C-alpha atoms as a PDB file:
ATOM      1  CA  MET A   1      82.954 115.283  54.869  1.00  0.00           C
ATOM      2  CA  ILE A   2      85.531 112.584  55.560  1.00  0.00           C
ATOM      3  CA  ASP A   3      82.866 109.871  55.632  1.00  0.00           C
ATOM      4  CA  THR A   4      81.424 111.189  52.366  1.00  0.00           C
ATOM      5  CA  PHE A   5      84.775 110.769  50.630  1.00  0.00           C
ATOM      6  CA  LEU A   6      85.430 107.378  52.197  1.00  0.00           C
ATOM      7  CA  SER A   7      82.026 106.082  51.112  1.00  0.00           C
ATOM      8  CA  ALA A   8      82.714 106.923  47.453  1.00  0.00           C
ATOM      9  CA  ARG A   9      86.490 106.622  47.181  1.00  0.00           C
ATOM     10  CA  ARG A  10      86.494 103.406  45.151  1.00  0.00           C
ATOM     11  CA  SER A  11      84.279 104.933  42.470  1.00  0.00           C
ATOM     12  CA  MET A  12      86.155 108.270  42.284  1.00  0.00           C
ATOM     13  CA  ASN A  13      89.270 106.803  40.639  1.00  0.00           C
ATOM     14  CA  PRO A  14      88.362 103.257  39.585  1.00  0.00           C
ATOM     15  CA  ASN A  15      91.478 102.846  37.386  1.00  0.00           C
ATOM     16  CA  ASN A  16      93.861 104.030  40.141  1.00  0.00           C
ATOM     17  CA  ARG A  17      95.450 106.664  37.928  1.00  0.00           C
ATOM     18  CA  ASN A  18      98.136 108.767  39.576  1.00  0.00           C
ATOM     19  CA  GLY A  19      97.924 112.539  39.417  1.00  0.00           C
ATOM     20  CA  THR A  20      94.164 112.791  39.196  1.00  0.00           C
ATOM     21  CA  TYR A  21      92.143 115.258  41.224  1.00  0.00           C
ATOM     22  CA  GLU A  22      88.667 116.682  41.446  1.00  0.00           C
ATOM     23  CA  LEU A  23      87.132 119.682  43.155  1.00  0.00           C
ATOM     24  CA  PHE A  24      83.944 118.984  45.106  1.00  0.00           C
ATOM     25  CA  GLY A  25      81.379 121.443  46.368  1.00  0.00           C
ATOM     26  CA  PHE A  26      79.733 120.676  49.708  1.00  0.00           C
ATOM     27  CA  ASP A  27      76.421 122.417  50.384  1.00  0.00           C
ATOM     28  CA  PHE A  28      75.457 122.855  54.016  1.00  0.00           C
ATOM     29  CA  LEU A  29      72.415 124.245  55.768  1.00  0.00           C
ATOM     30  CA  ILE A  30      72.340 125.761  59.251  1.00  0.00           C
ATOM     31  CA  ASP A  31      68.929 125.335  60.841  1.00  0.00           C
ATOM     32  CA  GLU A  32      67.159 127.544  63.374  1.00  0.00           C
ATOM     33  CA  ASP A  33      68.833 125.581  66.177  1.00  0.00           C
ATOM     34  CA  TYR A  34      72.303 126.242  64.670  1.00  0.00           C
ATOM     35  CA  ARG A  35      72.820 122.619  63.702  1.00  0.00           C
ATOM     36  CA  VAL A  36      74.770 122.028  60.498  1.00  0.00           C
ATOM     37  CA  TRP A  37      73.292 119.653  57.905  1.00  0.00           C
ATOM     38  CA  LEU A  38      74.983 118.362  54.765  1.00  0.00           C
ATOM     39  CA  ILE A  39      72.530 118.835  51.901  1.00  0.00           C
ATOM     40  CA  GLU A  40      74.487 117.557  48.916  1.00  0.00           C
ATOM     41  CA  VAL A  41      77.921 117.137  47.378  1.00  0.00           C
ATOM     42  CA  ASN A  42      78.534 118.404  43.856  1.00  0.00           C
ATOM     43  CA  SER A  43      81.225 116.908  41.659  1.00  0.00           C
ATOM     44  CA  ASN A  44      80.883 119.939  39.400  1.00  0.00           C
ATOM     45  CA  PRO A  45      80.472 122.929  41.756  1.00  0.00           C
ATOM     46  CA  TYR A  46      79.429 126.352  40.514  1.00  0.00           C
ATOM     47  CA  LEU A  47      82.478 128.591  40.215  1.00  0.00           C
ATOM     48  CA  GLY A  48      80.738 131.812  39.269  1.00  0.00           C
ATOM     49  CA  MET A  49      81.375 135.117  40.982  1.00  0.00           C
ATOM     50  CA  PRO A  50      77.968 136.443  42.057  1.00  0.00           C
ATOM     51  CA  ASN A  51      79.327 138.814  44.733  1.00  0.00           C
ATOM     52  CA  GLU A  52      82.479 140.593  45.907  1.00  0.00           C
ATOM     53  CA  TYR A  53      83.372 137.909  48.445  1.00  0.00           C
ATOM     54  CA  MET A  54      83.364 135.197  45.770  1.00  0.00           C
ATOM     55  CA  LYS A  55      85.399 137.421  43.427  1.00  0.00           C
ATOM     56  CA  GLN A  56      88.173 137.377  46.026  1.00  0.00           C
ATOM     57  CA  LEU A  57      87.728 133.791  47.211  1.00  0.00           C
ATOM     58  CA  LEU A  58      87.603 131.825  43.942  1.00  0.00           C
ATOM     59  CA  PRO A  59      90.981 132.872  42.478  1.00  0.00           C
ATOM     60  CA  LYS A  60      92.632 132.031  45.814  1.00  0.00           C
ATOM     61  CA  LEU A  61      90.803 128.703  45.958  1.00  0.00           C
ATOM     62  CA  MET A  62      91.906 127.738  42.444  1.00  0.00           C
ATOM     63  CA  ASN A  63      95.481 128.846  43.108  1.00  0.00           C
ATOM     64  CA  ASP A  64      95.616 126.861  46.352  1.00  0.00           C
ATOM     65  CA  MET A  65      94.105 123.798  44.694  1.00  0.00           C
ATOM     66  CA  CYS A  66      96.773 123.892  42.001  1.00  0.00           C
ATOM     67  CA  LYS A  67      99.481 124.258  44.669  1.00  0.00           C
ATOM     68  CA  LEU A  68      98.177 121.189  46.481  1.00  0.00           C
ATOM     69  CA  VAL A  69      97.827 119.092  43.348  1.00  0.00           C
ATOM     70  CA  LEU A  70     100.540 120.247  40.959  1.00  0.00           C
ATOM     71  CA  ASP A  71     103.419 121.570  43.074  1.00  0.00           C
ATOM     72  CA  PRO A  72     104.399 118.108  44.359  1.00  0.00           C
ATOM     73  CA  ILE A  73     104.630 116.898  40.735  1.00  0.00           C
ATOM     74  CA  TYR A  74     105.932 119.974  38.898  1.00  0.00           C
ATOM     75  CA  GLU A  75     108.241 122.278  40.800  1.00  0.00           C
ATOM     76  CA  PRO A  76     106.796 125.811  40.867  1.00  0.00           C
ATOM     77  CA  ARG A  77     108.517 128.392  38.652  1.00  0.00           C
ATOM     78  CA  THR A  78     107.852 131.255  41.021  1.00  0.00           C
ATOM     79  CA  VAL A  79     108.428 131.685  44.715  1.00  0.00           C
ATOM     80  CA  PRO A  80     105.158 131.372  46.651  1.00  0.00           C
ATOM     81  CA  ASP A  81     103.898 134.441  48.467  1.00  0.00           C
ATOM     82  CA  PRO A  82     104.990 133.883  52.104  1.00  0.00           C
ATOM     83  CA  ASP A  83     102.537 136.501  53.394  1.00  0.00           C
ATOM     84  CA  ARG A  84      99.452 134.702  52.114  1.00  0.00           C
ATOM     85  CA  GLN A  85      98.422 131.663  54.074  1.00  0.00           C
ATOM     86  CA  ASN A  86      95.458 129.547  53.080  1.00  0.00           C
ATOM     87  CA  ASP A  87      92.989 128.144  55.555  1.00  0.00           C
ATOM     88  CA  PHE A  88      93.313 124.540  54.426  1.00  0.00           C
ATOM     89  CA  GLU A  89      93.739 121.913  57.079  1.00  0.00           C
ATOM     90  CA  ILE A  90      94.364 118.228  56.396  1.00  0.00           C
ATOM     91  CA  LEU A  91      91.409 116.340  57.824  1.00  0.00           C
ATOM     92  CA  TYR A  92      92.240 112.841  56.633  1.00  0.00           C
ATOM     93  CA  ARG A  93      95.218 111.006  55.140  1.00  0.00           C
ATOM     94  CA  GLU A  94      95.311 107.241  54.790  1.00  0.00           C
ATOM     95  CA  GLN A  95      98.124 105.066  56.037  1.00  0.00           C
ATOM     96  CA  GLN A  96      98.858 103.827  52.501  1.00  0.00           C
ATOM     97  CA  ALA A  97      99.548 107.403  51.307  1.00  0.00           C
ATOM     98  CA  CYS A  98     102.318 107.735  53.900  1.00  0.00           C
ATOM     99  CA  THR A  99     105.817 106.447  53.353  1.00  0.00           C
ATOM    100  CA  PRO A 100     109.078 107.104  55.207  1.00  0.00           C
ATOM    101  CA  GLU A 101     110.363 108.992  52.150  1.00  0.00           C
ATOM    102  CA  ASN A 102     107.539 111.552  52.061  1.00  0.00           C
ATOM    103  CA  ASN A 103     107.676 112.029  55.844  1.00  0.00           C
ATOM    104  CA  LYS A 104     103.879 112.172  56.113  1.00  0.00           C
ATOM    105  CA  LYS A 105     101.856 110.700  58.931  1.00  0.00           C
ATOM    106  CA  PRO A 106      98.300 109.379  58.741  1.00  0.00           C
ATOM    107  CA  VAL A 107      95.711 111.934  59.827  1.00  0.00           C
ATOM    108  CA  ASN A 108      92.144 111.438  61.000  1.00  0.00           C
ATOM    109  CA  ARG A 109      90.416 114.485  62.462  1.00  0.00           C
ATOM    110  CA  ARG A 110      86.958 112.995  62.323  1.00  0.00           C
ATOM    111  CA  ARG A 111      84.940 114.005  65.348  1.00  0.00           C
ATOM    112  CA  PRO A 112      83.187 111.178  67.158  1.00  0.00           C
ATOM    113  CA  PHE A 113      79.434 111.332  66.936  1.00  0.00           C
ATOM    114  CA  SER A 114      77.626 112.459  70.035  1.00  0.00           C
ATOM    115  CA  LEU A 115      74.384 114.269  70.708  1.00  0.00           C
ATOM    116  CA  ASP A 116      76.361 116.905  72.601  1.00  0.00           C
ATOM    117  CA  LEU A 117      78.132 117.900  69.373  1.00  0.00           C
ATOM    118  CA  CYS A 118      74.904 117.913  67.320  1.00  0.00           C
ATOM    119  CA  TYR A 119      73.085 120.325  69.602  1.00  0.00           C
ATOM    120  CA  PRO A 120      74.992 123.541  70.316  1.00  0.00           C
ATOM    121  CA  PHE A 121      72.628 124.494  73.154  1.00  0.00           C
ATOM    122  CA  PRO A 122      72.010 121.970  75.960  1.00  0.00           C
ATOM    123  CA  ASP A 123      68.291 122.837  76.136  1.00  0.00           C
ATOM    124  CA  MET A 124      67.814 121.592  72.562  1.00  0.00           C
ATOM    125  CA  LYS A 125      69.265 118.134  73.179  1.00  0.00           C
ATOM    126  CA  PRO A 126      66.558 115.446  73.070  1.00  0.00           C
ATOM    127  CA  ILE A 127      65.801 113.563  76.243  1.00  0.00           C
ATOM    128  CA  ILE A 128      66.976 109.985  75.819  1.00  0.00           C
ATOM    129  CA  GLY A 129      64.476 107.414  76.957  1.00  0.00           C
ATOM    130  CA  LEU A 130      61.310 108.984  75.572  1.00  0.00           C
ATOM    131  CA  PRO A 131      59.388 106.539  73.353  1.00  0.00           C
ATOM    132  CA  PHE A 132      60.226 108.444  70.147  1.00  0.00           C
ATOM    133  CA  VAL A 133      63.925 109.152  70.917  1.00  0.00           C
ATOM    134  CA  LYS A 134      66.423 106.306  70.538  1.00  0.00           C
END
């Protein structure tokens, strides 16, 4: 996901406007070998509520997105609910977004590529050295 954003970051905000944001939808597939594949990224993800899980998830997602985007700019009028934690984790933050005043450090949680990480079961890992495996 990090590499997807980095590959398109110059076209996402070409005028370098402050205070802009966008919600992306990442579609993944898990194959019969339990490998995860990125299928596509939507810049306009579907936000419908087709089942009970989504009815509970989407309002929390939208609330959390607004907290991440708007609270640093506009101080919240209400006290946040301390009992409800979201599951967001910062995966990447560039050096240029970090200043001594905001007390933020660069973050890069990108996993290095290796065949061991791609194949959850050792028996599925391809044998390197065969004519068709590079």
